[in-house]
Every structure is written in C-alpha cells, then in structure tokens.
Amino acid sequence: MGTGIHDFLAATALALLVLAGCDSTPTVPVPPPEVSAISMTPPDAAGNVTVTGAPNAAGPGDVVLIFNQDLGSGVMEEAGPDGSFTAVLKAEVGDQLFIQIKRDNELSNEEVGKVPAF
C-alpha cells in the first residue's frame, strides 16, 4: 500500500474516531413550565405552600425545581408520567417562587409566581 493511501486511511480513521465522540444530535430547549396548569395554595398554619402542577404542566419524569427567593430555600419534585407534580415548601404571602424544569442536564427558563393571600 502506498504512503499516500496509508496516510489518507489513517487520517480518515482518526476523523471518524473524533466524530464518534461528538454528539451531533441537535438539542431542543426544555420548554418552561406550563403556567396555566400550575396552582399554589396560601400558606397553611405551619407556613407551608402547596404547588400543584396539573397534567402536562411538565414533561413525564421531568424534575421540577421550585425556589423561594425571599426565604432562600427550595424543593425538587419529579413529575409523574402525565407531567403532573405536587410540591410543598415554606413560603409567606407575597413571596416570589421561581419554577423551572430540569430534563436530563438541561434547564428551562424560569417562571415566577407570587404566593397568594388567604
């Protein structure tokens, strides 16, 4: 085999190895939570708020992240097969809750809601 062909085959093999390590699948951004499908209760006597996502509020198996910026705390819940979820966290009336979806290693944009009064 001539040197030129050997070099070509070696370069082609190297290129294929490099490309095999690349994920050329385009990624689709994770959609934000479906706000119209999310509700929250006023705080109960213990200061807990329940955030409920109806079916399709998130994707099946998505991780729903809810962060209370005012108190500096949050929770994570896994959405069910129909995209619904329920999360309980400490919050006061008027606190801002940031809700985000995590799918694989991608995060959606945040949605913000305020804790309602009684």
PDB file of N, CA and C in Angstrom:
ATOM      1  N   MET A   1       0.856  -1.169   0.000  1.00  0.00           N
ATOM      2  CA  MET A   1       0.000   0.000   0.000  1.00  0.00           C
ATOM      3  C   MET A   1       0.902   1.233   0.000  1.00  0.00           C
ATOM      4  N   GLY A   2       0.606   2.218  -0.858  1.00  0.00           N
ATOM      5  CA  GLY A   2       1.424   3.417  -0.960  1.00  0.00           C
ATOM      6  C   GLY A   2       1.269   4.295   0.275  1.00  0.00           C
ATOM      7  N   THR A   3       2.268   5.133   0.479  1.00  0.00           N
ATOM      8  CA  THR A   3       2.274   6.020   1.642  1.00  0.00           C
ATOM      9  C   THR A   3       1.094   6.980   1.618  1.00  0.00           C
ATOM     10  N   GLY A   4       0.728   7.507   0.476  1.00  0.00           N
ATOM     11  CA  GLY A   4      -0.384   8.454   0.376  1.00  0.00           C
ATOM     12  C   GLY A   4      -1.696   7.837   0.803  1.00  0.00           C
ATOM     13  N   ILE A   5      -1.966   6.596   0.370  1.00  0.00           N
ATOM     14  CA  ILE A   5      -3.207   5.910   0.755  1.00  0.00           C
ATOM     15  C   ILE A   5      -3.182   5.577   2.233  1.00  0.00           C
ATOM     16  N   HIS A   6      -2.016   5.138   2.733  1.00  0.00           N
ATOM     17  CA  HIS A   6      -1.900   4.815   4.165  1.00  0.00           C
ATOM     18  C   HIS A   6      -2.185   6.062   5.016  1.00  0.00           C
ATOM     19  N   ASP A   7      -1.628   7.217   4.615  1.00  0.00           N
ATOM     20  CA  ASP A   7      -1.861   8.467   5.338  1.00  0.00           C
ATOM     21  C   ASP A   7      -3.340   8.864   5.278  1.00  0.00           C
ATOM     22  N   PHE A   8      -3.937   8.703   4.085  1.00  0.00           N
ATOM     23  CA  PHE A   8      -5.357   9.029   3.922  1.00  0.00           C
ATOM     24  C   PHE A   8      -6.226   8.165   4.837  1.00  0.00           C
ATOM     25  N   LEU A   9      -5.956   6.838   4.860  1.00  0.00           N
ATOM     26  CA  LEU A   9      -6.735   5.929   5.706  1.00  0.00           C
ATOM     27  C   LEU A   9      -6.534   6.244   7.189  1.00  0.00           C
ATOM     28  N   ALA A  10      -5.316   6.574   7.578  1.00  0.00           N
ATOM     29  CA  ALA A  10      -5.046   6.919   8.976  1.00  0.00           C
ATOM     30  C   ALA A  10      -5.790   8.202   9.363  1.00  0.00           C
ATOM     31  N   ALA A  11      -5.760   9.191   8.470  1.00  0.00           N
ATOM     32  CA  ALA A  11      -6.449  10.448   8.748  1.00  0.00           C
ATOM     33  C   ALA A  11      -7.961  10.241   8.802  1.00  0.00           C
ATOM     34  N   THR A  12      -8.489   9.409   7.915  1.00  0.00           N
ATOM     35  CA  THR A  12      -9.922   9.122   7.904  1.00  0.00           C
ATOM     36  C   THR A  12     -10.329   8.399   9.184  1.00  0.00           C
ATOM     37  N   ALA A  13      -9.535   7.417   9.599  1.00  0.00           N
ATOM     38  CA  ALA A  13      -9.835   6.685  10.834  1.00  0.00           C
ATOM     39  C   ALA A  13      -9.809   7.631  12.035  1.00  0.00           C
ATOM     40  N   LEU A  14      -8.833   8.530  12.076  1.00  0.00           N
ATOM     41  CA  LEU A  14      -8.746   9.498  13.174  1.00  0.00           C
ATOM     42  C   LEU A  14      -9.965  10.422  13.167  1.00  0.00           C
ATOM     43  N   ALA A  15     -10.354  10.885  12.011  1.00  0.00           N
ATOM     44  CA  ALA A  15     -11.529  11.763  11.909  1.00  0.00           C
ATOM     45  C   ALA A  15     -12.784  11.039  12.376  1.00  0.00           C
ATOM     46  N   LEU A  16     -12.933   9.791  12.013  1.00  0.00           N
ATOM     47  CA  LEU A  16     -14.112   9.025  12.442  1.00  0.00           C
ATOM     48  C   LEU A  16     -14.119   8.830  13.954  1.00  0.00           C
ATOM     49  N   LEU A  17     -12.940   8.591  14.533  1.00  0.00           N
ATOM     50  CA  LEU A  17     -12.867   8.455  15.995  1.00  0.00           C
ATOM     51  C   LEU A  17     -13.245   9.763  16.686  1.00  0.00           C
ATOM     52  N   VAL A  18     -12.771  10.873  16.153  1.00  0.00           N
ATOM     53  CA  VAL A  18     -13.103  12.173  16.744  1.00  0.00           C
ATOM     54  C   VAL A  18     -14.598  12.434  16.625  1.00  0.00           C
ATOM     55  N   LEU A  19     -15.157  12.180  15.443  1.00  0.00           N
ATOM     56  CA  LEU A  19     -16.585  12.414  15.237  1.00  0.00           C
ATOM     57  C   LEU A  19     -17.442  11.477  16.079  1.00  0.00           C
ATOM     58  N   ALA A  20     -16.966  10.267  16.320  1.00  0.00           N
ATOM     59  CA  ALA A  20     -17.734   9.321  17.135  1.00  0.00           C
ATOM     60  C   ALA A  20     -17.898   9.835  18.553  1.00  0.00           C
ATOM     61  N   GLY A  21     -16.941  10.639  19.020  1.00  0.00           N
ATOM     62  CA  GLY A  21     -17.031  11.196  20.363  1.00  0.00           C
ATOM     63  C   GLY A  21     -17.900  12.437  20.437  1.00  0.00           C
ATOM     64  N   CYS A  22     -18.298  12.968  19.299  1.00  0.00           N
ATOM     65  CA  CYS A  22     -19.136  14.162  19.271  1.00  0.00           C
ATOM     66  C   CYS A  22     -20.599  13.768  19.201  1.00  0.00           C
ATOM     67  N   ASP A  23     -21.412  14.496  19.898  1.00  0.00           N
ATOM     68  CA  ASP A  23     -22.852  14.290  19.813  1.00  0.00           C
ATOM     69  C   ASP A  23     -23.386  15.327  18.841  1.00  0.00           C
ATOM     70  N   SER A  24     -23.689  14.887  17.639  1.00  0.00           N
ATOM     71  CA  SER A  24     -24.144  15.827  16.623  1.00  0.00           C
ATOM     72  C   SER A  24     -25.662  15.956  16.594  1.00  0.00           C
ATOM     73  N   THR A  25     -26.334  15.355  17.577  1.00  0.00           N
ATOM     74  CA  THR A  25     -27.785  15.459  17.648  1.00  0.00           C
ATOM     75  C   THR A  25     -28.150  16.859  18.117  1.00  0.00           C
ATOM     76  N   PRO A  26     -28.966  17.571  17.331  1.00  0.00           N
ATOM     77  CA  PRO A  26     -29.342  18.916  17.788  1.00  0.00           C
ATOM     78  C   PRO A  26     -30.198  18.833  19.046  1.00  0.00           C
ATOM     79  N   THR A  27     -30.005  19.789  19.938  1.00  0.00           N
ATOM     80  CA  THR A  27     -30.787  19.792  21.170  1.00  0.00           C
ATOM     81  C   THR A  27     -31.960  20.750  21.026  1.00  0.00           C
ATOM     82  N   VAL A  28     -33.046  20.396  21.643  1.00  0.00           N
ATOM     83  CA  VAL A  28     -34.236  21.235  21.659  1.00  0.00           C
ATOM     84  C   VAL A  28     -34.336  21.816  23.062  1.00  0.00           C
ATOM     85  N   PRO A  29     -34.499  23.121  23.194  1.00  0.00           N
ATOM     86  CA  PRO A  29     -34.596  23.703  24.533  1.00  0.00           C
ATOM     87  C   PRO A  29     -35.750  23.100  25.333  1.00  0.00           C
ATOM     88  N   VAL A  30     -35.525  22.961  26.623  1.00  0.00           N
ATOM     89  CA  VAL A  30     -36.571  22.464  27.510  1.00  0.00           C
ATOM     90  C   VAL A  30     -37.613  23.566  27.645  1.00  0.00           C
ATOM     91  N   PRO A  31     -38.878  23.255  27.365  1.00  0.00           N
ATOM     92  CA  PRO A  31     -39.894  24.303  27.497  1.00  0.00           C
ATOM     93  C   PRO A  31     -40.106  24.666  28.965  1.00  0.00           C
ATOM     94  N   PRO A  32     -40.460  25.914  29.225  1.00  0.00           N
ATOM     95  CA  PRO A  32     -40.726  26.306  30.610  1.00  0.00           C
ATOM     96  C   PRO A  32     -41.990  25.621  31.120  1.00  0.00           C
ATOM     97  N   PRO A  33     -42.185  25.622  32.427  1.00  0.00           N
ATOM     98  CA  PRO A  33     -43.398  25.018  32.978  1.00  0.00           C
ATOM     99  C   PRO A  33     -44.640  25.684  32.387  1.00  0.00           C
ATOM    100  N   GLU A  34     -45.696  24.922  32.225  1.00  0.00           N
ATOM    101  CA  GLU A  34     -46.958  25.446  31.692  1.00  0.00           C
ATOM    102  C   GLU A  34     -47.686  26.160  32.824  1.00  0.00           C
ATOM    103  N   VAL A  35     -47.532  27.479  32.876  1.00  0.00           N
ATOM    104  CA  VAL A  35     -48.038  28.286  33.993  1.00  0.00           C
ATOM    105  C   VAL A  35     -49.535  28.115  34.206  1.00  0.00           C
ATOM    106  N   SER A  36     -50.288  28.007  33.124  1.00  0.00           N
ATOM    107  CA  SER A  36     -51.745  27.884  33.267  1.00  0.00           C
ATOM    108  C   SER A  36     -52.150  26.577  33.939  1.00  0.00           C
ATOM    109  N   ALA A  37     -51.221  25.623  34.025  1.00  0.00           N
ATOM    110  CA  ALA A  37     -51.518  24.332  34.649  1.00  0.00           C
ATOM    111  C   ALA A  37     -50.959  24.232  36.072  1.00  0.00           C
ATOM    112  N   ILE A  38     -50.444  25.351  36.604  1.00  0.00           N
ATOM    113  CA  ILE A  38     -49.837  25.348  37.942  1.00  0.00           C
ATOM    114  C   ILE A  38     -50.643  26.235  38.879  1.00  0.00           C
ATOM    115  N   SER A  39     -50.903  25.716  40.075  1.00  0.00           N
ATOM    116  CA  SER A  39     -51.601  26.499  41.095  1.00  0.00           C
ATOM    117  C   SER A  39     -50.840  26.388  42.411  1.00  0.00           C
ATOM    118  N   MET A  40     -51.074  27.347  43.296  1.00  0.00           N
ATOM    119  CA  MET A  40     -50.464  27.268  44.625  1.00  0.00           C
ATOM    120  C   MET A  40     -51.460  27.749  45.662  1.00  0.00           C
ATOM    121  N   THR A  41     -51.337  27.150  46.842  1.00  0.00           N
ATOM    122  CA  THR A  41     -52.230  27.490  47.945  1.00  0.00           C
ATOM    123  C   THR A  41     -51.627  28.624  48.759  1.00  0.00           C
ATOM    124  N   PRO A  42     -52.451  29.326  49.511  1.00  0.00           N
ATOM    125  CA  PRO A  42     -51.895  30.245  50.515  1.00  0.00           C
ATOM    126  C   PRO A  42     -51.162  29.414  51.577  1.00  0.00           C
ATOM    127  N   PRO A  43     -50.304  30.027  52.359  1.00  0.00           N
ATOM    128  CA  PRO A  43     -49.609  29.286  53.409  1.00  0.00           C
ATOM    129  C   PRO A  43     -50.597  28.700  54.423  1.00  0.00           C
ATOM    130  N   ASP A  44     -50.302  27.478  54.878  1.00  0.00           N
ATOM    131  CA  ASP A  44     -51.132  26.870  55.920  1.00  0.00           C
ATOM    132  C   ASP A  44     -50.617  27.333  57.282  1.00  0.00           C
ATOM    133  N   ALA A  45     -51.169  26.789  58.358  1.00  0.00           N
ATOM    134  CA  ALA A  45     -50.803  27.208  59.716  1.00  0.00           C
ATOM    135  C   ALA A  45     -49.317  26.993  60.009  1.00  0.00           C
ATOM    136  N   ALA A  46     -48.697  26.019  59.339  1.00  0.00           N
ATOM    137  CA  ALA A  46     -47.274  25.735  59.547  1.00  0.00           C
ATOM    138  C   ALA A  46     -46.379  26.548  58.618  1.00  0.00           C
ATOM    139  N   GLY A  47     -46.992  27.386  57.761  1.00  0.00           N
ATOM    140  CA  GLY A  47     -46.209  28.202  56.842  1.00  0.00           C
ATOM    141  C   GLY A  47     -45.805  27.478  55.568  1.00  0.00           C
ATOM    142  N   ASN A  48     -46.525  26.389  55.237  1.00  0.00           N
ATOM    143  CA  ASN A  48     -46.226  25.633  54.019  1.00  0.00           C
ATOM    144  C   ASN A  48     -47.195  25.991  52.904  1.00  0.00           C
ATOM    145  N   VAL A  49     -46.670  26.070  51.698  1.00  0.00           N
ATOM    146  CA  VAL A  49     -47.448  26.311  50.491  1.00  0.00           C
ATOM    147  C   VAL A  49     -47.375  25.043  49.650  1.00  0.00           C
ATOM    148  N   THR A  50     -48.503  24.657  49.064  1.00  0.00           N
ATOM    149  CA  THR A  50     -48.520  23.511  48.157  1.00  0.00           C
ATOM    150  C   THR A  50     -48.617  24.028  46.729  1.00  0.00           C
ATOM    151  N   VAL A  51     -47.646  23.632  45.909  1.00  0.00           N
ATOM    152  CA  VAL A  51     -47.632  23.993  44.494  1.00  0.00           C
ATOM    153  C   VAL A  51     -48.012  22.735  43.727  1.00  0.00           C
ATOM    154  N   THR A  52     -49.065  22.845  42.921  1.00  0.00           N
ATOM    155  CA  THR A  52     -49.587  21.687  42.198  1.00  0.00           C
ATOM    156  C   THR A  52     -49.536  21.951  40.701  1.00  0.00           C
ATOM    157  N   GLY A  53     -48.972  21.000  39.987  1.00  0.00           N
ATOM    158  CA  GLY A  53     -48.961  21.061  38.528  1.00  0.00           C
ATOM    159  C   GLY A  53     -49.939  20.034  37.997  1.00  0.00           C
ATOM    160  N   ALA A  54     -50.925  20.469  37.238  1.00  0.00           N
ATOM    161  CA  ALA A  54     -51.892  19.562  36.608  1.00  0.00           C
ATOM    162  C   ALA A  54     -51.166  18.771  35.511  1.00  0.00           C
ATOM    163  N   PRO A  55     -51.816  17.749  34.955  1.00  0.00           N
ATOM    164  CA  PRO A  55     -51.188  17.019  33.849  1.00  0.00           C
ATOM    165  C   PRO A  55     -50.697  17.987  32.759  1.00  0.00           C
ATOM    166  N   ASN A  56     -49.531  17.683  32.233  1.00  0.00           N
ATOM    167  CA  ASN A  56     -48.857  18.460  31.181  1.00  0.00           C
ATOM    168  C   ASN A  56     -48.249  19.767  31.668  1.00  0.00           C
ATOM    169  N   ALA A  57     -48.199  19.988  32.979  1.00  0.00           N
ATOM    170  CA  ALA A  57     -47.510  21.170  33.493  1.00  0.00           C
ATOM    171  C   ALA A  57     -46.009  21.046  33.234  1.00  0.00           C
ATOM    172  N   ALA A  58     -45.527  19.825  33.197  1.00  0.00           N
ATOM    173  CA  ALA A  58     -44.127  19.496  32.891  1.00  0.00           C
ATOM    174  C   ALA A  58     -44.154  18.254  32.007  1.00  0.00           C
ATOM    175  N   GLY A  59     -42.996  17.793  31.618  1.00  0.00           N
ATOM    176  CA  GLY A  59     -42.924  16.563  30.840  1.00  0.00           C
ATOM    177  C   GLY A  59     -42.846  15.360  31.769  1.00  0.00           C
ATOM    178  N   PRO A  60     -43.203  14.175  31.279  1.00  0.00           N
ATOM    179  CA  PRO A  60     -43.110  12.964  32.100  1.00  0.00           C
ATOM    180  C   PRO A  60     -41.689  12.759  32.630  1.00  0.00           C
ATOM    181  N   GLY A  61     -41.562  12.624  33.933  1.00  0.00           N
ATOM    182  CA  GLY A  61     -40.263  12.367  34.550  1.00  0.00           C
ATOM    183  C   GLY A  61     -39.363  13.580  34.687  1.00  0.00           C
ATOM    184  N   ASP A  62     -39.818  14.764  34.241  1.00  0.00           N
ATOM    185  CA  ASP A  62     -39.012  15.974  34.434  1.00  0.00           C
ATOM    186  C   ASP A  62     -38.850  16.239  35.926  1.00  0.00           C
ATOM    187  N   VAL A  63     -37.771  16.897  36.280  1.00  0.00           N
ATOM    188  CA  VAL A  63     -37.583  17.346  37.653  1.00  0.00           C
ATOM    189  C   VAL A  63     -38.049  18.797  37.711  1.00  0.00           C
ATOM    190  N   VAL A  64     -38.955  19.075  38.617  1.00  0.00           N
ATOM    191  CA  VAL A  64     -39.491  20.426  38.787  1.00  0.00           C
ATOM    192  C   VAL A  64     -38.757  21.058  39.967  1.00  0.00           C
ATOM    193  N   LEU A  65     -38.130  22.195  39.710  1.00  0.00           N
ATOM    194  CA  LEU A  65     -37.385  22.918  40.735  1.00  0.00           C
ATOM    195  C   LEU A  65     -38.201  24.141  41.128  1.00  0.00           C
ATOM    196  N   ILE A  66     -38.449  24.290  42.418  1.00  0.00           N
ATOM    197  CA  ILE A  66     -39.193  25.454  42.915  1.00  0.00           C
ATOM    198  C   ILE A  66     -38.331  26.112  43.981  1.00  0.00           C
ATOM    199  N   PHE A  67     -38.019  27.383  43.772  1.00  0.00           N
ATOM    200  CA  PHE A  67     -37.133  28.109  44.669  1.00  0.00           C
ATOM    201  C   PHE A  67     -37.836  29.352  45.189  1.00  0.00           C
ATOM    202  N   ASN A  68     -37.835  29.503  46.510  1.00  0.00           N
ATOM    203  CA  ASN A  68     -38.397  30.689  47.157  1.00  0.00           C
ATOM    204  C   ASN A  68     -37.251  31.679  47.339  1.00  0.00           C
ATOM    205  N   GLN A  69     -37.233  32.700  46.488  1.00  0.00           N
ATOM    206  CA  GLN A  69     -36.157  33.676  46.532  1.00  0.00           C
ATOM    207  C   GLN A  69     -36.152  34.446  47.845  1.00  0.00           C
ATOM    208  N   ASP A  70     -37.319  34.715  48.390  1.00  0.00           N
ATOM    209  CA  ASP A  70     -37.403  35.512  49.616  1.00  0.00           C
ATOM    210  C   ASP A  70     -36.835  34.782  50.825  1.00  0.00           C
ATOM    211  N   LEU A  71     -37.041  33.482  50.901  1.00  0.00           N
ATOM    212  CA  LEU A  71     -36.534  32.702  52.046  1.00  0.00           C
ATOM    213  C   LEU A  71     -35.218  31.996  51.737  1.00  0.00           C
ATOM    214  N   GLY A  72     -34.842  31.941  50.448  1.00  0.00           N
ATOM    215  CA  GLY A  72     -33.589  31.290  50.074  1.00  0.00           C
ATOM    216  C   GLY A  72     -33.628  29.786  50.186  1.00  0.00           C
ATOM    217  N   SER A  73     -34.800  29.184  49.974  1.00  0.00           N
ATOM    218  CA  SER A  73     -34.906  27.722  50.056  1.00  0.00           C
ATOM    219  C   SER A  73     -35.750  27.217  48.897  1.00  0.00           C
ATOM    220  N   GLY A  74     -35.652  25.927  48.643  1.00  0.00           N
ATOM    221  CA  GLY A  74     -36.413  25.363  47.543  1.00  0.00           C
ATOM    222  C   GLY A  74     -36.589  23.871  47.674  1.00  0.00           C
ATOM    223  N   VAL A  75     -37.309  23.307  46.706  1.00  0.00           N
ATOM    224  CA  VAL A  75     -37.565  21.871  46.667  1.00  0.00           C
ATOM    225  C   VAL A  75     -37.455  21.390  45.226  1.00  0.00           C
ATOM    226  N   MET A  76     -37.276  20.077  45.089  1.00  0.00           N
ATOM    227  CA  MET A  76     -37.280  19.418  43.788  1.00  0.00           C
ATOM    228  C   MET A  76     -38.277  18.274  43.847  1.00  0.00           C
ATOM    229  N   GLU A  77     -39.083  18.143  42.811  1.00  0.00           N
ATOM    230  CA  GLU A  77     -40.047  17.039  42.725  1.00  0.00           C
ATOM    231  C   GLU A  77     -40.008  16.470  41.318  1.00  0.00           C
ATOM    232  N   GLU A  78     -40.189  15.171  41.198  1.00  0.00           N
ATOM    233  CA  GLU A  78     -40.246  14.548  39.882  1.00  0.00           C
ATOM    234  C   GLU A  78     -41.681  14.530  39.383  1.00  0.00           C
ATOM    235  N   ALA A  79     -41.869  14.976  38.149  1.00  0.00           N
ATOM    236  CA  ALA A  79     -43.198  14.959  37.546  1.00  0.00           C
ATOM    237  C   ALA A  79     -43.593  13.511  37.247  1.00  0.00           C
ATOM    238  N   GLY A  80     -44.880  13.239  37.374  1.00  0.00           N
ATOM    239  CA  GLY A  80     -45.397  11.906  37.097  1.00  0.00           C
ATOM    240  C   GLY A  80     -45.447  11.620  35.599  1.00  0.00           C
ATOM    241  N   PRO A  81     -45.917  10.429  35.237  1.00  0.00           N
ATOM    242  CA  PRO A  81     -45.988  10.039  33.823  1.00  0.00           C
ATOM    243  C   PRO A  81     -46.854  10.976  32.977  1.00  0.00           C
ATOM    244  N   ASP A  82     -47.785  11.676  33.629  1.00  0.00           N
ATOM    245  CA  ASP A  82     -48.646  12.608  32.880  1.00  0.00           C
ATOM    246  C   ASP A  82     -48.159  14.059  32.982  1.00  0.00           C
ATOM    247  N   GLY A  83     -46.987  14.279  33.603  1.00  0.00           N
ATOM    248  CA  GLY A  83     -46.439  15.626  33.736  1.00  0.00           C
ATOM    249  C   GLY A  83     -46.946  16.400  34.933  1.00  0.00           C
ATOM    250  N   SER A  84     -47.735  15.760  35.796  1.00  0.00           N
ATOM    251  CA  SER A  84     -48.246  16.448  36.987  1.00  0.00           C
ATOM    252  C   SER A  84     -47.241  16.328  38.139  1.00  0.00           C
ATOM    253  N   PHE A  85     -47.375  17.227  39.105  1.00  0.00           N
ATOM    254  CA  PHE A  85     -46.497  17.190  40.278  1.00  0.00           C
ATOM    255  C   PHE A  85     -47.160  17.908  41.440  1.00  0.00           C
ATOM    256  N   THR A  86     -46.688  17.615  42.636  1.00  0.00           N
ATOM    257  CA  THR A  86     -47.095  18.322  43.849  1.00  0.00           C
ATOM    258  C   THR A  86     -45.846  18.559  44.678  1.00  0.00           C
ATOM    259  N   ALA A  87     -45.663  19.788  45.133  1.00  0.00           N
ATOM    260  CA  ALA A  87     -44.504  20.133  45.951  1.00  0.00           C
ATOM    261  C   ALA A  87     -44.973  20.992  47.120  1.00  0.00           C
ATOM    262  N   VAL A  88     -44.351  20.796  48.264  1.00  0.00           N
ATOM    263  CA  VAL A  88     -44.669  21.564  49.462  1.00  0.00           C
ATOM    264  C   VAL A  88     -43.385  22.249  49.928  1.00  0.00           C
ATOM    265  N   LEU A  89     -43.479  23.556  50.185  1.00  0.00           N
ATOM    266  CA  LEU A  89     -42.318  24.276  50.680  1.00  0.00           C
ATOM    267  C   LEU A  89     -42.759  25.441  51.548  1.00  0.00           C
ATOM    268  N   LYS A  90     -41.838  25.929  52.352  1.00  0.00           N
ATOM    269  CA  LYS A  90     -42.102  27.080  53.217  1.00  0.00           C
ATOM    270  C   LYS A  90     -42.210  28.348  52.363  1.00  0.00           C
ATOM    271  N   ALA A  91     -43.211  29.150  52.665  1.00  0.00           N
ATOM    272  CA  ALA A  91     -43.390  30.422  51.960  1.00  0.00           C
ATOM    273  C   ALA A  91     -44.387  31.277  52.715  1.00  0.00           C
ATOM    274  N   GLU A  92     -44.277  32.573  52.498  1.00  0.00           N
ATOM    275  CA  GLU A  92     -45.189  33.528  53.090  1.00  0.00           C
ATOM    276  C   GLU A  92     -45.959  34.226  51.971  1.00  0.00           C
ATOM    277  N   VAL A  93     -47.090  34.821  52.322  1.00  0.00           N
ATOM    278  CA  VAL A  93     -47.886  35.551  51.345  1.00  0.00           C
ATOM    279  C   VAL A  93     -46.997  36.596  50.660  1.00  0.00           C
ATOM    280  N   GLY A  94     -47.048  36.625  49.329  1.00  0.00           N
ATOM    281  CA  GLY A  94     -46.276  37.591  48.547  1.00  0.00           C
ATOM    282  C   GLY A  94     -44.883  37.141  48.166  1.00  0.00           C
ATOM    283  N   ASP A  95     -44.398  36.029  48.743  1.00  0.00           N
ATOM    284  CA  ASP A  95     -43.073  35.531  48.354  1.00  0.00           C
ATOM    285  C   ASP A  95     -43.070  35.179  46.871  1.00  0.00           C
ATOM    286  N   GLN A  96     -41.928  35.385  46.227  1.00  0.00           N
ATOM    287  CA  GLN A  96     -41.779  35.014  44.832  1.00  0.00           C
ATOM    288  C   GLN A  96     -41.209  33.599  44.745  1.00  0.00           C
ATOM    289  N   LEU A  97     -41.921  32.750  44.001  1.00  0.00           N
ATOM    290  CA  LEU A  97     -41.457  31.384  43.771  1.00  0.00           C
ATOM    291  C   LEU A  97     -41.030  31.263  42.317  1.00  0.00           C
ATOM    292  N   PHE A  98     -39.818  30.797  42.107  1.00  0.00           N
ATOM    293  CA  PHE A  98     -39.293  30.565  40.763  1.00  0.00           C
ATOM    294  C   PHE A  98     -39.460  29.080  40.456  1.00  0.00           C
ATOM    295  N   ILE A  99     -40.085  28.774  39.330  1.00  0.00           N
ATOM    296  CA  ILE A  99     -40.348  27.391  38.950  1.00  0.00           C
ATOM    297  C   ILE A  99     -39.621  27.121  37.641  1.00  0.00           C
ATOM    298  N   GLN A 100     -38.878  26.011  37.634  1.00  0.00           N
ATOM    299  CA  GLN A 100     -38.066  25.665  36.481  1.00  0.00           C
ATOM    300  C   GLN A 100     -38.136  24.159  36.251  1.00  0.00           C
ATOM    301  N   ILE A 101     -37.944  23.741  35.020  1.00  0.00           N
ATOM    302  CA  ILE A 101     -37.953  22.326  34.651  1.00  0.00           C
ATOM    303  C   ILE A 101     -36.523  21.890  34.334  1.00  0.00           C
ATOM    304  N   LYS A 102     -36.134  20.731  34.854  1.00  0.00           N
ATOM    305  CA  LYS A 102     -34.838  20.131  34.519  1.00  0.00           C
ATOM    306  C   LYS A 102     -35.112  18.820  33.802  1.00  0.00           C
ATOM    307  N   ARG A 103     -34.583  18.702  32.599  1.00  0.00           N
ATOM    308  CA  ARG A 103     -34.721  17.475  31.812  1.00  0.00           C
ATOM    309  C   ARG A 103     -33.318  17.073  31.387  1.00  0.00           C
ATOM    310  N   ASP A 104     -32.914  15.873  31.798  1.00  0.00           N
ATOM    311  CA  ASP A 104     -31.531  15.433  31.584  1.00  0.00           C
ATOM    312  C   ASP A 104     -30.620  16.480  32.225  1.00  0.00           C
ATOM    313  N   ASN A 105     -29.773  17.113  31.463  1.00  0.00           N
ATOM    314  CA  ASN A 105     -28.883  18.142  32.027  1.00  0.00           C
ATOM    315  C   ASN A 105     -29.239  19.532  31.554  1.00  0.00           C
ATOM    316  N   GLU A 106     -30.436  19.693  31.035  1.00  0.00           N
ATOM    317  CA  GLU A 106     -30.876  20.986  30.506  1.00  0.00           C
ATOM    318  C   GLU A 106     -31.925  21.603  31.424  1.00  0.00           C
ATOM    319  N   LEU A 107     -31.884  22.917  31.547  1.00  0.00           N
ATOM    320  CA  LEU A 107     -32.859  23.651  32.355  1.00  0.00           C
ATOM    321  C   LEU A 107     -33.715  24.543  31.460  1.00  0.00           C
ATOM    322  N   SER A 108     -34.981  24.659  31.821  1.00  0.00           N
ATOM    323  CA  SER A 108     -35.879  25.568  31.106  1.00  0.00           C
ATOM    324  C   SER A 108     -35.676  26.981  31.618  1.00  0.00           C
ATOM    325  N   ASN A 109     -36.323  27.919  30.969  1.00  0.00           N
ATOM    326  CA  ASN A 109     -36.416  29.263  31.520  1.00  0.00           C
ATOM    327  C   ASN A 109     -37.287  29.198  32.773  1.00  0.00           C
ATOM    328  N   GLU A 110     -37.127  30.189  33.636  1.00  0.00           N
ATOM    329  CA  GLU A 110     -37.902  30.227  34.876  1.00  0.00           C
ATOM    330  C   GLU A 110     -39.258  30.879  34.646  1.00  0.00           C
ATOM    331  N   GLU A 111     -40.208  30.451  35.440  1.00  0.00           N
ATOM    332  CA  GLU A 111     -41.487  31.133  35.550  1.00  0.00           C
ATOM    333  C   GLU A 111     -41.586  31.599  36.995  1.00  0.00           C
ATOM    334  N   VAL A 112     -42.206  32.738  37.219  1.00  0.00           N
ATOM    335  CA  VAL A 112     -42.285  33.310  38.557  1.00  0.00           C
ATOM    336  C   VAL A 112     -43.748  33.436  38.960  1.00  0.00           C
ATOM    337  N   GLY A 113     -44.028  33.063  40.204  1.00  0.00           N
ATOM    338  CA  GLY A 113     -45.366  33.222  40.755  1.00  0.00           C
ATOM    339  C   GLY A 113     -45.269  33.777  42.159  1.00  0.00           C
ATOM    340  N   LYS A 114     -46.292  34.503  42.585  1.00  0.00           N
ATOM    341  CA  LYS A 114     -46.335  35.025  43.952  1.00  0.00           C
ATOM    342  C   LYS A 114     -47.306  34.197  44.766  1.00  0.00           C
ATOM    343  N   VAL A 115     -46.937  33.946  46.017  1.00  0.00           N
ATOM    344  CA  VAL A 115     -47.783  33.187  46.929  1.00  0.00           C
ATOM    345  C   VAL A 115     -49.029  34.018  47.224  1.00  0.00           C
ATOM    346  N   PRO A 116     -50.211  33.419  46.992  1.00  0.00           N
ATOM    347  CA  PRO A 116     -51.460  34.177  47.191  1.00  0.00           C
ATOM    348  C   PRO A 116     -51.809  34.357  48.669  1.00  0.00           C
ATOM    349  N   ALA A 117     -52.654  35.341  48.912  1.00  0.00           N
ATOM    350  CA  ALA A 117     -53.191  35.557  50.258  1.00  0.00           C
ATOM    351  C   ALA A 117     -54.358  34.604  50.499  1.00  0.00           C
ATOM    352  N   PHE A 118     -54.797  34.542  51.714  1.00  0.00           N
ATOM    353  CA  PHE A 118     -55.882  33.627  52.102  1.00  0.00           C
ATOM    354  C   PHE A 118     -57.161  33.935  51.404  1.00  0.00           C
TER     355      PHE A 118
END
